[in-house]
Amino acid sequence: MRKEEEEIAIPKMPKRFWEDDRWANEHYSELTEEYPNQWIAVVGKKVVAYGKNLAEVEKEARKKTSEDYISLTFAEGDIHVW
């Protein structure tokens, strides 16, 4: 088998990540009210970091939790055109 034909292993996301992601989606309207137009990081079904800069939010969440997989969501408070 040639190198380019080898399968690429995709890391399996832990169950906790999907639970946090689902929690963020279920509470999205509340999150947009509390954190409008900000990125939020959810770990353990709790907001552990938030702010305008995605990289900084992720860095702060990793520092606080030591988790590798963090659910990140943009809590859109206004209409945005991308």
N, C-alpha and C. Protein backbone atom coordinates (compact mmCIF):
# COMPACT_ATOMS: atom_id res chain seq x y z
N MET A 1 0.85 -1.18 0.00
CA MET A 1 0.00 0.00 0.00
C MET A 1 0.89 1.24 0.00
N ARG A 2 0.60 2.14 -0.91
CA ARG A 2 1.36 3.38 -0.98
C ARG A 2 0.98 4.28 0.19
N LYS A 3 1.89 5.15 0.54
CA LYS A 3 1.69 6.03 1.68
C LYS A 3 0.43 6.89 1.53
N GLU A 4 0.17 7.43 0.35
CA GLU A 4 -1.00 8.28 0.16
C GLU A 4 -2.32 7.51 0.22
N GLU A 5 -2.23 6.16 0.13
CA GLU A 5 -3.43 5.34 0.22
C GLU A 5 -3.74 4.90 1.65
N GLU A 6 -2.82 5.15 2.57
CA GLU A 6 -3.05 4.77 3.96
C GLU A 6 -4.22 5.56 4.52
N GLU A 7 -4.94 4.91 5.40
CA GLU A 7 -6.07 5.59 6.03
C GLU A 7 -5.56 6.60 7.05
N ILE A 8 -6.24 7.71 7.10
CA ILE A 8 -5.90 8.74 8.07
C ILE A 8 -6.80 8.54 9.27
N ALA A 9 -6.19 8.41 10.43
CA ALA A 9 -6.97 8.19 11.66
C ALA A 9 -7.56 9.52 12.12
N ILE A 10 -8.86 9.52 12.25
CA ILE A 10 -9.56 10.71 12.74
C ILE A 10 -9.80 10.49 14.23
N PRO A 11 -9.34 11.42 15.06
CA PRO A 11 -9.52 11.21 16.50
C PRO A 11 -11.00 11.17 16.88
N LYS A 12 -11.32 10.26 17.78
CA LYS A 12 -12.69 10.11 18.24
C LYS A 12 -12.94 11.15 19.33
N MET A 13 -14.01 11.90 19.15
CA MET A 13 -14.36 12.93 20.13
C MET A 13 -14.97 12.24 21.34
N PRO A 14 -14.57 12.66 22.54
CA PRO A 14 -15.14 12.03 23.73
C PRO A 14 -16.62 12.36 23.90
N LYS A 15 -17.32 11.47 24.58
CA LYS A 15 -18.75 11.63 24.81
C LYS A 15 -19.04 12.97 25.49
N ARG A 16 -18.19 13.38 26.42
CA ARG A 16 -18.39 14.63 27.14
C ARG A 16 -18.44 15.81 26.19
N PHE A 17 -17.60 15.82 25.15
CA PHE A 17 -17.60 16.91 24.17
C PHE A 17 -18.98 17.02 23.53
N TRP A 18 -19.55 15.89 23.09
CA TRP A 18 -20.85 15.92 22.42
C TRP A 18 -21.95 16.33 23.38
N GLU A 19 -21.86 15.93 24.64
CA GLU A 19 -22.84 16.35 25.64
C GLU A 19 -22.77 17.86 25.86
N ASP A 20 -21.55 18.40 25.92
CA ASP A 20 -21.38 19.85 26.09
C ASP A 20 -21.91 20.60 24.87
N ASP A 21 -21.64 20.06 23.69
CA ASP A 21 -22.10 20.69 22.46
C ASP A 21 -23.63 20.71 22.41
N ARG A 22 -24.24 19.60 22.78
CA ARG A 22 -25.70 19.51 22.81
C ARG A 22 -26.28 20.48 23.86
N TRP A 23 -25.63 20.56 25.02
CA TRP A 23 -26.07 21.47 26.08
C TRP A 23 -26.04 22.92 25.57
N ALA A 24 -24.95 23.30 24.89
CA ALA A 24 -24.83 24.66 24.35
C ALA A 24 -25.94 24.95 23.35
N ASN A 25 -26.27 23.98 22.51
CA ASN A 25 -27.35 24.17 21.53
C ASN A 25 -28.71 24.29 22.21
N GLU A 26 -28.94 23.48 23.24
CA GLU A 26 -30.21 23.52 23.96
C GLU A 26 -30.39 24.84 24.73
N HIS A 27 -29.30 25.44 25.15
CA HIS A 27 -29.36 26.68 25.94
C HIS A 27 -28.92 27.91 25.13
N TYR A 28 -28.95 27.76 23.81
CA TYR A 28 -28.43 28.82 22.94
C TYR A 28 -29.10 30.17 23.17
N SER A 29 -30.42 30.20 23.31
CA SER A 29 -31.10 31.49 23.48
C SER A 29 -30.66 32.17 24.78
N GLU A 30 -30.47 31.40 25.84
CA GLU A 30 -29.99 31.97 27.10
C GLU A 30 -28.56 32.48 26.95
N LEU A 31 -27.74 31.71 26.24
CA LEU A 31 -26.34 32.09 26.05
C LEU A 31 -26.21 33.36 25.22
N THR A 32 -27.07 33.53 24.21
CA THR A 32 -27.00 34.74 23.40
C THR A 32 -27.41 35.97 24.20
N GLU A 33 -28.28 35.78 25.17
CA GLU A 33 -28.67 36.91 26.03
C GLU A 33 -27.55 37.28 27.00
N GLU A 34 -26.91 36.26 27.56
CA GLU A 34 -25.87 36.50 28.57
C GLU A 34 -24.51 36.86 27.96
N TYR A 35 -24.21 36.30 26.80
CA TYR A 35 -22.91 36.51 26.14
C TYR A 35 -23.09 36.94 24.69
N PRO A 36 -23.82 38.02 24.43
CA PRO A 36 -24.10 38.40 23.03
C PRO A 36 -22.82 38.71 22.25
N ASN A 37 -22.78 38.16 21.03
CA ASN A 37 -21.68 38.40 20.11
C ASN A 37 -20.32 38.03 20.68
N GLN A 38 -20.31 36.92 21.42
CA GLN A 38 -19.06 36.44 22.00
C GLN A 38 -18.94 34.94 21.78
N TRP A 39 -17.71 34.49 21.76
CA TRP A 39 -17.42 33.06 21.73
C TRP A 39 -17.54 32.53 23.14
N ILE A 40 -18.11 31.35 23.27
CA ILE A 40 -18.19 30.73 24.58
C ILE A 40 -17.59 29.32 24.51
N ALA A 41 -16.94 28.93 25.59
CA ALA A 41 -16.36 27.60 25.72
C ALA A 41 -17.14 26.88 26.80
N VAL A 42 -17.62 25.68 26.47
CA VAL A 42 -18.43 24.90 27.41
C VAL A 42 -17.70 23.60 27.74
N VAL A 43 -17.54 23.35 29.03
CA VAL A 43 -16.96 22.10 29.51
C VAL A 43 -17.79 21.68 30.73
N GLY A 44 -18.22 20.44 30.74
CA GLY A 44 -19.03 19.95 31.84
C GLY A 44 -20.38 20.65 31.94
N LYS A 45 -20.92 21.02 30.78
CA LYS A 45 -22.21 21.72 30.68
C LYS A 45 -22.20 23.05 31.44
N LYS A 46 -21.03 23.69 31.45
CA LYS A 46 -20.88 25.01 32.06
C LYS A 46 -20.02 25.88 31.15
N VAL A 47 -20.32 27.17 31.12
CA VAL A 47 -19.48 28.11 30.39
C VAL A 47 -18.22 28.34 31.23
N VAL A 48 -17.07 28.00 30.66
CA VAL A 48 -15.81 28.14 31.40
C VAL A 48 -14.99 29.32 30.91
N ALA A 49 -15.32 29.85 29.73
CA ALA A 49 -14.61 31.02 29.19
C ALA A 49 -15.48 31.65 28.13
N TYR A 50 -15.31 32.96 27.94
CA TYR A 50 -16.05 33.67 26.90
C TYR A 50 -15.29 34.94 26.54
N GLY A 51 -15.55 35.43 25.33
CA GLY A 51 -14.91 36.65 24.88
C GLY A 51 -15.06 36.82 23.39
N LYS A 52 -14.51 37.90 22.89
CA LYS A 52 -14.61 38.26 21.47
C LYS A 52 -13.61 37.52 20.59
N ASN A 53 -12.51 37.06 21.18
CA ASN A 53 -11.44 36.43 20.42
C ASN A 53 -11.46 34.91 20.62
N LEU A 54 -11.76 34.17 19.56
CA LEU A 54 -11.89 32.72 19.65
C LEU A 54 -10.64 32.06 20.21
N ALA A 55 -9.48 32.43 19.71
CA ALA A 55 -8.23 31.80 20.15
C ALA A 55 -7.99 32.03 21.65
N GLU A 56 -8.30 33.22 22.12
CA GLU A 56 -8.11 33.52 23.54
C GLU A 56 -9.10 32.76 24.41
N VAL A 57 -10.33 32.63 23.93
CA VAL A 57 -11.35 31.88 24.67
C VAL A 57 -10.93 30.42 24.78
N GLU A 58 -10.50 29.84 23.67
CA GLU A 58 -10.06 28.45 23.69
C GLU A 58 -8.85 28.26 24.61
N LYS A 59 -7.90 29.17 24.55
CA LYS A 59 -6.70 29.10 25.39
C LYS A 59 -7.07 29.17 26.87
N GLU A 60 -7.95 30.10 27.22
CA GLU A 60 -8.38 30.24 28.61
C GLU A 60 -9.11 28.99 29.09
N ALA A 61 -9.98 28.43 28.25
CA ALA A 61 -10.72 27.22 28.61
C ALA A 61 -9.78 26.05 28.83
N ARG A 62 -8.79 25.89 27.96
CA ARG A 62 -7.82 24.80 28.13
C ARG A 62 -7.03 24.98 29.42
N LYS A 63 -6.65 26.22 29.72
CA LYS A 63 -5.89 26.51 30.93
C LYS A 63 -6.72 26.18 32.18
N LYS A 64 -8.00 26.52 32.16
CA LYS A 64 -8.86 26.28 33.31
C LYS A 64 -9.22 24.81 33.49
N THR A 65 -9.35 24.07 32.39
CA THR A 65 -9.89 22.72 32.47
C THR A 65 -8.90 21.61 32.13
N SER A 66 -7.83 21.92 31.45
CA SER A 66 -6.86 20.93 30.96
C SER A 66 -7.49 19.92 29.99
N GLU A 67 -8.60 20.28 29.38
CA GLU A 67 -9.27 19.41 28.41
C GLU A 67 -8.70 19.64 27.01
N ASP A 68 -8.64 18.57 26.23
CA ASP A 68 -8.18 18.67 24.85
C ASP A 68 -9.31 19.05 23.90
N TYR A 69 -10.53 18.59 24.20
CA TYR A 69 -11.67 18.83 23.33
C TYR A 69 -12.67 19.73 24.05
N ILE A 70 -12.87 20.91 23.50
CA ILE A 70 -13.74 21.91 24.12
C ILE A 70 -14.79 22.35 23.12
N SER A 71 -16.03 22.35 23.55
CA SER A 71 -17.12 22.83 22.70
C SER A 71 -17.07 24.35 22.65
N LEU A 72 -16.94 24.89 21.45
CA LEU A 72 -16.88 26.34 21.25
C LEU A 72 -18.05 26.77 20.36
N THR A 73 -18.74 27.80 20.81
CA THR A 73 -19.92 28.29 20.10
C THR A 73 -19.90 29.81 20.08
N PHE A 74 -20.32 30.37 18.95
CA PHE A 74 -20.48 31.82 18.87
C PHE A 74 -21.92 32.15 19.23
N ALA A 75 -22.11 32.91 20.30
CA ALA A 75 -23.45 33.30 20.76
C ALA A 75 -23.85 34.59 20.05
N GLU A 76 -24.44 34.43 18.91
CA GLU A 76 -24.78 35.57 18.05
C GLU A 76 -25.93 36.37 18.66
N GLY A 77 -25.65 37.62 18.99
CA GLY A 77 -26.67 38.49 19.59
C GLY A 77 -27.34 39.36 18.58
N ASP A 78 -26.70 39.63 17.47
CA ASP A 78 -27.24 40.45 16.39
C ASP A 78 -27.17 39.66 15.10
N ILE A 79 -27.76 40.21 14.08
CA ILE A 79 -27.66 39.58 12.77
C ILE A 79 -26.30 39.92 12.18
N HIS A 80 -25.61 38.89 11.70
CA HIS A 80 -24.30 39.08 11.08
C HIS A 80 -24.36 38.57 9.65
N VAL A 81 -23.70 39.28 8.77
CA VAL A 81 -23.57 38.83 7.39
C VAL A 81 -22.10 38.47 7.21
N TRP A 82 -21.85 37.22 6.86
CA TRP A 82 -20.47 36.75 6.73
C TRP A 82 -20.08 36.70 5.28
